[in-house]
Amino acid sequence: MAQFTRIEVAQIMKDSGLVPLFYHEDISVCKAVLKACYDGGARLLEFTSRGDFAHDVFADLIRYAIKELPGMILGVGSVTDSAGASLYMHLGANFIVTPVLREDIANVCNRRKVFWSPGCGSLTEITKAEELGCEIVKLFPGDIYGPQFVRAIKGPQPWTSIMPTGGVSPTEENLTSWFLSGVTCVGMGSQLIAMDSDGQFDYNNIERVIRNTLKIIKKIREINQ
């Protein structure tokens, strides 16, 4: 069962402005990355379900988060059907992110009052998602649409909350372009949690990058209030 309500998840996404994305088949690596994100100040992480037996890894990871990282909100991304969403919610997922808009996923998440965010690429899809109860819409793939698309959407629908994923990097220039366009938060994976030249994760560096990214987002917001 989710430890955080859909309203709490939405609010923390809005407050922090950052949702790191990560998947690895090794639970020890997942725990170390999650701890680095947490120590860097992140309070959300989207575990992208992209490997065989990913649900087993997530089950161990969320137990670790509940026990060792108070206040850390774990959700699951790359969910493609209602069966997958239900499975992860039974394992304790606090939010569900999908690459496409599917009403069956909306229904099972709404039934359990769990936050969900579908990947949308048009105003029609965004409006449909909001009619189905979506609080923050995922713009995917973000690098295809870009900040100008967000500005265009916010014109007729200033109430729409958007989270681009893809095409977001932890630089001040890139983040400024997205947040000035009106996004609520951004999702970042390999641009944020990257391997070094030896194919290993530098957990201290991940912590530094997370902390710096959050500082940049805060600075952008303060300047443009």
C-alpha atoms as a PDB file:
ATOM      1  CA  MET A   1       0.000   0.000   0.000  1.00  0.00           C
ATOM      2  CA  ALA A   2       1.221   3.506  -0.833  1.00  0.00           C
ATOM      3  CA  GLN A   3       2.749   5.399   2.092  1.00  0.00           C
ATOM      4  CA  PHE A   4       1.988   8.806   0.549  1.00  0.00           C
ATOM      5  CA  THR A   5      -1.307  10.161  -0.784  1.00  0.00           C
ATOM      6  CA  ARG A   6      -1.664  11.354  -4.357  1.00  0.00           C
ATOM      7  CA  ILE A   7      -1.924  14.934  -3.089  1.00  0.00           C
ATOM      8  CA  GLU A   8       1.289  14.595  -1.075  1.00  0.00           C
ATOM      9  CA  VAL A   9       3.118  13.189  -4.097  1.00  0.00           C
ATOM     10  CA  ALA A  10       1.888  15.969  -6.376  1.00  0.00           C
ATOM     11  CA  GLN A  11       2.846  18.636  -3.851  1.00  0.00           C
ATOM     12  CA  ILE A  12       6.367  17.309  -3.327  1.00  0.00           C
ATOM     13  CA  MET A  13       6.868  17.058  -7.094  1.00  0.00           C
ATOM     14  CA  LYS A  14       5.814  20.695  -7.391  1.00  0.00           C
ATOM     15  CA  ASP A  15       7.890  21.846  -4.410  1.00  0.00           C
ATOM     16  CA  SER A  16      11.131  20.094  -5.398  1.00  0.00           C
ATOM     17  CA  GLY A  17      10.781  20.411  -9.162  1.00  0.00           C
ATOM     18  CA  LEU A  18      12.826  17.253  -9.769  1.00  0.00           C
ATOM     19  CA  VAL A  19      12.019  13.573 -10.282  1.00  0.00           C
ATOM     20  CA  PRO A  20      15.118  11.387 -10.842  1.00  0.00           C
ATOM     21  CA  LEU A  21      14.572   8.266 -12.993  1.00  0.00           C
ATOM     22  CA  PHE A  22      16.623   5.105 -12.536  1.00  0.00           C
ATOM     23  CA  TYR A  23      16.687   1.365 -13.153  1.00  0.00           C
ATOM     24  CA  HIS A  24      19.284  -1.303 -12.513  1.00  0.00           C
ATOM     25  CA  GLU A  25      18.904  -5.059 -12.109  1.00  0.00           C
ATOM     26  CA  ASP A  26      21.286  -5.112  -9.122  1.00  0.00           C
ATOM     27  CA  ILE A  27      19.484  -4.208  -5.902  1.00  0.00           C
ATOM     28  CA  SER A  28      22.725  -3.131  -4.219  1.00  0.00           C
ATOM     29  CA  VAL A  29      23.324  -0.570  -6.977  1.00  0.00           C
ATOM     30  CA  CYS A  30      19.718   0.626  -6.728  1.00  0.00           C
ATOM     31  CA  LYS A  31      20.022   1.114  -2.979  1.00  0.00           C
ATOM     32  CA  ALA A  32      23.277   3.049  -3.327  1.00  0.00           C
ATOM     33  CA  VAL A  33      21.854   5.306  -6.041  1.00  0.00           C
ATOM     34  CA  LEU A  34      18.681   5.902  -4.052  1.00  0.00           C
ATOM     35  CA  LYS A  35      20.741   6.805  -0.971  1.00  0.00           C
ATOM     36  CA  ALA A  36      22.877   9.210  -3.034  1.00  0.00           C
ATOM     37  CA  CYS A  37      19.742  10.895  -4.394  1.00  0.00           C
ATOM     38  CA  TYR A  38      18.306  11.135  -0.888  1.00  0.00           C
ATOM     39  CA  ASP A  39      21.517  12.578   0.561  1.00  0.00           C
ATOM     40  CA  GLY A  40      21.565  15.086  -2.295  1.00  0.00           C
ATOM     41  CA  GLY A  41      18.131  16.337  -1.258  1.00  0.00           C
ATOM     42  CA  ALA A  42      15.808  14.492  -3.661  1.00  0.00           C
ATOM     43  CA  ARG A  43      12.643  13.162  -2.088  1.00  0.00           C
ATOM     44  CA  LEU A  44      11.248  11.308  -5.097  1.00  0.00           C
ATOM     45  CA  LEU A  45      12.576   8.662  -7.430  1.00  0.00           C
ATOM     46  CA  GLU A  46      10.895   6.969 -10.370  1.00  0.00           C
ATOM     47  CA  PHE A  47      12.044   3.352 -10.693  1.00  0.00           C
ATOM     48  CA  THR A  48      11.738   2.640 -14.413  1.00  0.00           C
ATOM     49  CA  SER A  49      10.362  -0.878 -14.894  1.00  0.00           C
ATOM     50  CA  ARG A  50      12.356  -1.971 -17.909  1.00  0.00           C
ATOM     51  CA  GLY A  51      13.979  -5.292 -17.041  1.00  0.00           C
ATOM     52  CA  ASP A  52      12.994  -8.876 -16.323  1.00  0.00           C
ATOM     53  CA  PHE A  53      11.905  -9.349 -12.698  1.00  0.00           C
ATOM     54  CA  ALA A  54      12.072  -5.583 -12.156  1.00  0.00           C
ATOM     55  CA  HIS A  55       9.184  -5.928  -9.696  1.00  0.00           C
ATOM     56  CA  ASP A  56      11.355  -8.112  -7.455  1.00  0.00           C
ATOM     57  CA  VAL A  57      14.049  -5.435  -7.370  1.00  0.00           C
ATOM     58  CA  PHE A  58      11.454  -2.754  -6.630  1.00  0.00           C
ATOM     59  CA  ALA A  59       9.964  -4.793  -3.785  1.00  0.00           C
ATOM     60  CA  ASP A  60      13.348  -4.899  -2.035  1.00  0.00           C
ATOM     61  CA  LEU A  61      14.092  -1.261  -2.852  1.00  0.00           C
ATOM     62  CA  ILE A  62      10.906   0.134  -1.382  1.00  0.00           C
ATOM     63  CA  ARG A  63      11.359  -1.910   1.795  1.00  0.00           C
ATOM     64  CA  TYR A  64      14.805  -0.348   2.092  1.00  0.00           C
ATOM     65  CA  ALA A  65      13.426   3.146   1.504  1.00  0.00           C
ATOM     66  CA  ILE A  66      10.689   2.773   4.120  1.00  0.00           C
ATOM     67  CA  LYS A  67      13.160   1.488   6.713  1.00  0.00           C
ATOM     68  CA  GLU A  68      16.232   3.619   6.017  1.00  0.00           C
ATOM     69  CA  LEU A  69      15.165   6.773   4.120  1.00  0.00           C
ATOM     70  CA  PRO A  70      12.231   8.487   5.849  1.00  0.00           C
ATOM     71  CA  GLY A  71      10.256  10.743   3.547  1.00  0.00           C
ATOM     72  CA  MET A  72      11.618   9.225   0.334  1.00  0.00           C
ATOM     73  CA  ILE A  73       8.814   8.661  -2.175  1.00  0.00           C
ATOM     74  CA  LEU A  74       9.305   5.763  -4.593  1.00  0.00           C
ATOM     75  CA  GLY A  75       7.169   5.313  -7.676  1.00  0.00           C
ATOM     76  CA  VAL A  76       7.375   3.261 -10.844  1.00  0.00           C
ATOM     77  CA  GLY A  77       7.664   4.371 -14.467  1.00  0.00           C
ATOM     78  CA  SER A  78       7.450   2.694 -17.876  1.00  0.00           C
ATOM     79  CA  VAL A  79       4.225   0.973 -16.787  1.00  0.00           C
ATOM     80  CA  THR A  80       2.262  -0.022 -19.881  1.00  0.00           C
ATOM     81  CA  ASP A  81      -0.935  -1.679 -18.629  1.00  0.00           C
ATOM     82  CA  SER A  82      -3.288  -1.852 -15.669  1.00  0.00           C
ATOM     83  CA  ALA A  83      -1.951  -5.255 -14.574  1.00  0.00           C
ATOM     84  CA  GLY A  84       1.530  -3.809 -14.168  1.00  0.00           C
ATOM     85  CA  ALA A  85       0.189  -0.772 -12.348  1.00  0.00           C
ATOM     86  CA  SER A  86      -1.792  -2.979  -9.964  1.00  0.00           C
ATOM     87  CA  LEU A  87       1.218  -5.200  -9.288  1.00  0.00           C
ATOM     88  CA  TYR A  88       3.440  -2.257  -8.377  1.00  0.00           C
ATOM     89  CA  MET A  89       0.750  -0.643  -6.237  1.00  0.00           C
ATOM     90  CA  HIS A  90       0.423  -3.905  -4.303  1.00  0.00           C
ATOM     91  CA  LEU A  91       4.177  -3.681  -3.713  1.00  0.00           C
ATOM     92  CA  GLY A  92       3.775  -0.168  -2.309  1.00  0.00           C
ATOM     93  CA  ALA A  93       4.420   2.144  -5.272  1.00  0.00           C
ATOM     94  CA  ASN A  94       3.473   5.710  -4.356  1.00  0.00           C
ATOM     95  CA  PHE A  95       2.992   6.819  -7.945  1.00  0.00           C
ATOM     96  CA  ILE A  96       2.715   5.341 -11.410  1.00  0.00           C
ATOM     97  CA  VAL A  97       4.150   6.915 -14.568  1.00  0.00           C
ATOM     98  CA  THR A  98       3.286   5.657 -18.040  1.00  0.00           C
ATOM     99  CA  PRO A  99       4.739   6.340 -21.513  1.00  0.00           C
ATOM    100  CA  VAL A 100       1.238   6.672 -22.994  1.00  0.00           C
ATOM    101  CA  LEU A 101      -2.263   7.706 -21.952  1.00  0.00           C
ATOM    102  CA  ARG A 102      -4.296   4.621 -20.993  1.00  0.00           C
ATOM    103  CA  GLU A 103      -7.673   4.829 -19.328  1.00  0.00           C
ATOM    104  CA  ASP A 104      -7.337   1.373 -17.772  1.00  0.00           C
ATOM    105  CA  ILE A 105      -4.270   2.542 -15.823  1.00  0.00           C
ATOM    106  CA  ALA A 106      -6.089   5.703 -14.752  1.00  0.00           C
ATOM    107  CA  ASN A 107      -8.961   3.593 -13.445  1.00  0.00           C
ATOM    108  CA  VAL A 108      -6.881   1.244 -11.288  1.00  0.00           C
ATOM    109  CA  CYS A 109      -4.794   4.097  -9.869  1.00  0.00           C
ATOM    110  CA  ASN A 110      -7.833   6.252  -9.141  1.00  0.00           C
ATOM    111  CA  ARG A 111      -9.513   3.307  -7.449  1.00  0.00           C
ATOM    112  CA  ARG A 112      -6.649   3.168  -4.939  1.00  0.00           C
ATOM    113  CA  LYS A 113      -6.159   6.972  -4.908  1.00  0.00           C
ATOM    114  CA  VAL A 114      -2.588   6.611  -6.143  1.00  0.00           C
ATOM    115  CA  PHE A 115      -0.938   9.420  -8.123  1.00  0.00           C
ATOM    116  CA  TRP A 116      -0.467   8.630 -11.816  1.00  0.00           C
ATOM    117  CA  SER A 117       1.094  10.561 -14.693  1.00  0.00           C
ATOM    118  CA  PRO A 118       0.642   9.536 -18.343  1.00  0.00           C
ATOM    119  CA  GLY A 119       2.919  10.402 -21.243  1.00  0.00           C
ATOM    120  CA  CYS A 120       1.079  12.838 -23.511  1.00  0.00           C
ATOM    121  CA  GLY A 121       2.033  14.588 -26.736  1.00  0.00           C
ATOM    122  CA  SER A 122      -0.950  16.736 -27.686  1.00  0.00           C
ATOM    123  CA  LEU A 123      -3.402  19.150 -26.109  1.00  0.00           C
ATOM    124  CA  THR A 124      -6.162  16.620 -26.719  1.00  0.00           C
ATOM    125  CA  GLU A 125      -4.295  13.897 -24.794  1.00  0.00           C
ATOM    126  CA  ILE A 126      -3.443  16.323 -21.988  1.00  0.00           C
ATOM    127  CA  THR A 127      -7.074  17.400 -21.656  1.00  0.00           C
ATOM    128  CA  LYS A 128      -8.237  13.785 -21.627  1.00  0.00           C
ATOM    129  CA  ALA A 129      -5.695  12.926 -18.921  1.00  0.00           C
ATOM    130  CA  GLU A 130      -6.931  15.800 -16.772  1.00  0.00           C
ATOM    131  CA  GLU A 131     -10.535  14.690 -17.266  1.00  0.00           C
ATOM    132  CA  LEU A 132      -9.429  11.301 -15.934  1.00  0.00           C
ATOM    133  CA  GLY A 133      -8.003  12.941 -12.807  1.00  0.00           C
ATOM    134  CA  CYS A 134      -4.336  13.458 -13.668  1.00  0.00           C
ATOM    135  CA  GLU A 135      -2.632  16.134 -11.541  1.00  0.00           C
ATOM    136  CA  ILE A 136       0.690  16.403 -13.414  1.00  0.00           C
ATOM    137  CA  VAL A 137       0.968  15.335 -17.045  1.00  0.00           C
ATOM    138  CA  LYS A 138       4.190  13.801 -18.349  1.00  0.00           C
ATOM    139  CA  LEU A 139       5.379  15.399 -21.594  1.00  0.00           C
ATOM    140  CA  PHE A 140       7.087  12.598 -23.486  1.00  0.00           C
ATOM    141  CA  PRO A 141       9.382  12.585 -25.298  1.00  0.00           C
ATOM    142  CA  GLY A 142      10.327  16.042 -24.068  1.00  0.00           C
ATOM    143  CA  ASP A 143      13.212  16.528 -26.486  1.00  0.00           C
ATOM    144  CA  ILE A 144      10.826  16.222 -29.442  1.00  0.00           C
ATOM    145  CA  TYR A 145       8.391  18.862 -28.172  1.00  0.00           C
ATOM    146  CA  GLY A 146      10.619  21.248 -26.209  1.00  0.00           C
ATOM    147  CA  PRO A 147       9.847  24.270 -24.001  1.00  0.00           C
ATOM    148  CA  GLN A 148       7.959  26.073 -26.780  1.00  0.00           C
ATOM    149  CA  PHE A 149       5.342  23.326 -26.741  1.00  0.00           C
ATOM    150  CA  VAL A 150       4.853  23.854 -23.010  1.00  0.00           C
ATOM    151  CA  ARG A 151       4.359  27.592 -23.505  1.00  0.00           C
ATOM    152  CA  ALA A 152       1.802  26.887 -26.211  1.00  0.00           C
ATOM    153  CA  ILE A 153      -0.154  24.545 -23.926  1.00  0.00           C
ATOM    154  CA  LYS A 154      -0.043  26.932 -20.969  1.00  0.00           C
ATOM    155  CA  GLY A 155      -1.623  29.660 -23.102  1.00  0.00           C
ATOM    156  CA  PRO A 156      -5.135  28.202 -23.331  1.00  0.00           C
ATOM    157  CA  GLN A 157      -4.673  25.992 -20.245  1.00  0.00           C
ATOM    158  CA  PRO A 158      -2.668  27.847 -17.573  1.00  0.00           C
ATOM    159  CA  TRP A 159      -3.923  25.373 -14.965  1.00  0.00           C
ATOM    160  CA  THR A 160      -2.148  22.438 -16.616  1.00  0.00           C
ATOM    161  CA  SER A 161       0.852  21.008 -14.732  1.00  0.00           C
ATOM    162  CA  ILE A 162       3.527  19.476 -16.951  1.00  0.00           C
ATOM    163  CA  MET A 163       6.581  17.299 -16.265  1.00  0.00           C
ATOM    164  CA  PRO A 164       8.852  16.850 -19.308  1.00  0.00           C
ATOM    165  CA  THR A 165      10.944  13.689 -19.455  1.00  0.00           C
ATOM    166  CA  GLY A 166      13.617  13.334 -22.112  1.00  0.00           C
ATOM    167  CA  GLY A 167      15.525  16.343 -23.359  1.00  0.00           C
ATOM    168  CA  VAL A 168      16.162  17.619 -19.826  1.00  0.00           C
ATOM    169  CA  SER A 169      19.710  18.017 -18.508  1.00  0.00           C
ATOM    170  CA  PRO A 170      21.060  19.305 -15.165  1.00  0.00           C
ATOM    171  CA  THR A 171      22.518  22.519 -16.614  1.00  0.00           C
ATOM    172  CA  GLU A 172      21.348  25.992 -15.687  1.00  0.00           C
ATOM    173  CA  GLU A 173      20.683  26.864 -19.333  1.00  0.00           C
ATOM    174  CA  ASN A 174      18.527  23.808 -20.006  1.00  0.00           C
ATOM    175  CA  LEU A 175      16.619  23.980 -16.733  1.00  0.00           C
ATOM    176  CA  THR A 176      15.989  27.701 -17.165  1.00  0.00           C
ATOM    177  CA  SER A 177      14.436  27.127 -20.591  1.00  0.00           C
ATOM    178  CA  TRP A 178      12.070  24.496 -19.202  1.00  0.00           C
ATOM    179  CA  PHE A 179      11.035  26.279 -16.021  1.00  0.00           C
ATOM    180  CA  LEU A 180      10.545  29.624 -17.755  1.00  0.00           C
ATOM    181  CA  SER A 181       8.215  27.837 -20.168  1.00  0.00           C
ATOM    182  CA  GLY A 182       6.010  26.939 -17.210  1.00  0.00           C
ATOM    183  CA  VAL A 183       6.779  23.330 -16.286  1.00  0.00           C
ATOM    184  CA  THR A 184       5.895  22.156 -12.791  1.00  0.00           C
ATOM    185  CA  CYS A 185       8.806  19.735 -12.470  1.00  0.00           C
ATOM    186  CA  VAL A 186      11.210  17.786 -14.664  1.00  0.00           C
ATOM    187  CA  GLY A 187      12.124  14.126 -14.925  1.00  0.00           C
ATOM    188  CA  MET A 188      15.734  13.127 -15.571  1.00  0.00           C
ATOM    189  CA  GLY A 189      17.423   9.772 -15.955  1.00  0.00           C
ATOM    190  CA  SER A 190      20.863   9.165 -17.442  1.00  0.00           C
ATOM    191  CA  GLN A 191      21.612  12.888 -17.689  1.00  0.00           C
ATOM    192  CA  LEU A 192      21.304  13.050 -13.903  1.00  0.00           C
ATOM    193  CA  ILE A 193      22.479   9.604 -12.791  1.00  0.00           C
ATOM    194  CA  ALA A 194      25.314   8.776 -15.135  1.00  0.00           C
ATOM    195  CA  MET A 195      27.989   6.081 -15.198  1.00  0.00           C
ATOM    196  CA  ASP A 196      31.628   7.120 -15.280  1.00  0.00           C
ATOM    197  CA  SER A 197      34.066   6.215 -18.074  1.00  0.00           C
ATOM    198  CA  ASP A 198      34.600   2.792 -16.481  1.00  0.00           C
ATOM    199  CA  GLY A 199      30.898   1.984 -16.546  1.00  0.00           C
ATOM    200  CA  GLN A 200      30.543   2.431 -12.785  1.00  0.00           C
ATOM    201  CA  PHE A 201      28.394   4.759 -10.700  1.00  0.00           C
ATOM    202  CA  ASP A 202      30.153   7.423  -8.645  1.00  0.00           C
ATOM    203  CA  TYR A 203      27.692   7.771  -5.791  1.00  0.00           C
ATOM    204  CA  ASN A 204      29.369  10.841  -4.322  1.00  0.00           C
ATOM    205  CA  ASN A 205      29.143  12.554  -7.687  1.00  0.00           C
ATOM    206  CA  ILE A 206      25.484  11.582  -8.064  1.00  0.00           C
ATOM    207  CA  GLU A 207      24.809  13.199  -4.706  1.00  0.00           C
ATOM    208  CA  ARG A 208      26.616  16.372  -5.819  1.00  0.00           C
ATOM    209  CA  VAL A 209      24.762  16.546  -9.139  1.00  0.00           C
ATOM    210  CA  ILE A 210      21.389  16.082  -7.426  1.00  0.00           C
ATOM    211  CA  ARG A 211      22.155  18.785  -4.860  1.00  0.00           C
ATOM    212  CA  ASN A 212      23.368  21.212  -7.527  1.00  0.00           C
ATOM    213  CA  THR A 213      20.350  20.546  -9.751  1.00  0.00           C
ATOM    214  CA  LEU A 214      17.953  21.287  -6.909  1.00  0.00           C
ATOM    215  CA  LYS A 215      19.864  24.508  -6.176  1.00  0.00           C
ATOM    216  CA  ILE A 216      19.584  25.593  -9.805  1.00  0.00           C
ATOM    217  CA  ILE A 217      15.836  24.926  -9.854  1.00  0.00           C
ATOM    218  CA  LYS A 218      15.364  26.878  -6.636  1.00  0.00           C
ATOM    219  CA  LYS A 219      17.421  29.793  -8.014  1.00  0.00           C
ATOM    220  CA  ILE A 220      15.427  29.905 -11.256  1.00  0.00           C
ATOM    221  CA  ARG A 221      12.145  29.966  -9.358  1.00  0.00           C
ATOM    222  CA  GLU A 222      13.276  32.665  -6.951  1.00  0.00           C
ATOM    223  CA  ILE A 223      14.500  34.937  -9.751  1.00  0.00           C
ATOM    224  CA  ASN A 224      11.313  34.525 -11.776  1.00  0.00           C
ATOM    225  CA  GLN A 225       8.675  34.693  -9.046  1.00  0.00           C
END
